Protein backbone atom coordinates (compact mmCIF):
# COMPACT_ATOMS: atom_id res chain seq x y z
CA MET A 1 0.00 0.00 0.00
CA TRP A 2 2.83 2.40 0.86
CA SER A 3 4.45 1.89 -2.53
CA VAL A 4 1.22 2.85 -4.30
CA LEU A 5 0.89 5.95 -2.10
CA TRP A 6 4.50 7.03 -2.75
CA ALA A 7 4.10 6.44 -6.50
CA ALA A 8 1.02 8.67 -6.49
CA VAL A 9 2.83 11.37 -4.50
CA ARG A 10 5.81 11.18 -6.86
CA SER A 11 3.67 11.50 -9.97
CA LYS A 12 1.64 14.42 -8.59
CA ALA A 13 4.62 16.28 -7.06
CA PRO A 14 4.85 18.99 -9.79
CA TYR A 15 1.17 19.81 -9.34
CA VAL A 16 1.72 20.33 -5.60
CA THR A 17 5.13 22.00 -5.55
CA PHE A 18 4.41 24.64 -8.22
CA PRO A 19 1.58 26.36 -6.33
CA VAL A 20 3.55 26.18 -3.09
CA ALA A 21 6.63 27.69 -4.73
CA PHE A 22 4.48 30.37 -6.38
CA VAL A 23 2.93 31.39 -3.05
CA VAL A 24 6.32 31.42 -1.29
CA GLY A 25 7.80 33.58 -4.06
CA LEU A 26 4.86 35.98 -4.02
CA VAL A 27 5.00 36.39 -0.25
CA GLY A 28 8.76 36.85 -0.37
CA SER A 29 8.62 39.51 -3.09
CA GLN A 30 5.88 41.42 -1.26
CA LEU A 31 7.86 41.25 1.98
CA GLU A 32 10.99 42.48 0.24
CA TRP A 33 9.03 45.33 -1.37
CA LEU A 34 7.67 46.35 2.05
CA LEU A 35 11.12 46.28 3.66
CA ARG A 36 12.97 48.12 0.89
CA GLY A 37 10.35 50.70 0.02
CA ASP A 38 10.45 52.30 -3.41
CA PRO A 39 12.27 50.33 -6.12
CA PRO A 40 15.57 51.75 -7.41
CA PRO A 41 15.51 53.84 -10.60
CA THR A 42 15.05 51.83 -13.75
CA ALA A 43 17.99 50.73 -15.86
CA GLN A 44 16.63 52.68 -18.83
CA GLU A 45 17.93 55.90 -17.30
CA GLU A 46 21.50 54.60 -17.25
CA LYS A 47 23.58 54.26 -20.40
CA SER A 48 24.57 50.82 -21.55
CA ILE A 49 28.19 49.73 -21.86
CA SER A 50 28.11 50.07 -25.65
CA GLU A 51 26.69 53.60 -25.41
CA GLN A 52 29.39 54.56 -22.91
CA ARG A 53 32.05 53.14 -25.24
CA GLU A 54 30.66 55.09 -28.21
CA ASP A 55 30.59 58.31 -26.19
CA ARG A 56 34.20 57.76 -25.06
CA LYS A 57 35.35 57.12 -28.64
CA LEU A 58 33.57 60.26 -29.84
CA GLN A 59 35.25 62.32 -27.12
CA GLU A 60 38.65 60.93 -28.14
CA ILE A 61 38.30 61.94 -31.79
CA VAL A 62 36.95 65.44 -31.11
CA GLY A 63 39.52 67.94 -32.34
CA GLU A 64 41.59 65.43 -34.32
CA ASP A 65 42.15 65.84 -38.03
CA LEU A 66 40.76 62.63 -39.45
CA THR A 67 42.06 63.30 -42.96
CA LYS A 68 45.69 62.76 -41.97
CA VAL A 69 46.32 59.03 -41.81
CA VAL A 70 49.46 56.92 -42.07
CA SER A 71 50.09 55.39 -45.48
CA LEU A 72 49.86 51.63 -45.73
CA LYS A 73 53.34 51.63 -47.28
CA ASP A 74 54.72 53.17 -44.10
CA LYS A 75 53.05 50.68 -41.80
CA LEU A 76 55.34 47.74 -41.11
CA GLU A 77 52.59 45.84 -39.29
CA PHE A 78 50.54 45.70 -42.48
CA ALA A 79 52.92 43.28 -44.20
CA PRO A 80 52.94 39.72 -42.88
CA ARG A 81 55.99 38.75 -40.93
CA ALA A 82 58.39 36.80 -43.10
CA VAL A 83 60.49 34.00 -41.72
CA LEU A 84 63.49 35.54 -39.96
CA ASN A 85 62.54 38.92 -41.53
CA ARG A 86 64.41 38.03 -44.75
CA ASN A 87 61.92 39.62 -47.11
CA ARG A 88 61.11 42.71 -45.12
CA PRO A 89 62.83 45.86 -46.42
CA GLU A 90 64.88 47.78 -43.89
CA LYS A 91 63.57 51.23 -43.07
CA SER A 92 65.99 54.02 -42.45
């Protein structure tokens, strides 16, 4: 008889535990709301990390002349590194 009872309890466990967990969560959230008071300001007021990064990059390029760039011929990093630097021309 006990095995039949435990099998029934095991099969119906999700139907019992979900409402209990829901009530416990609801009571806990209401209690936390009462203890803390007003919720903190929403995250929409704060800038995201990507927006902060874009603002920082814009501040860095303010005042720079963007038309003056280094030629690709002058950049040594542009060319792939040859074995033992045999094929790389020496710059003076």
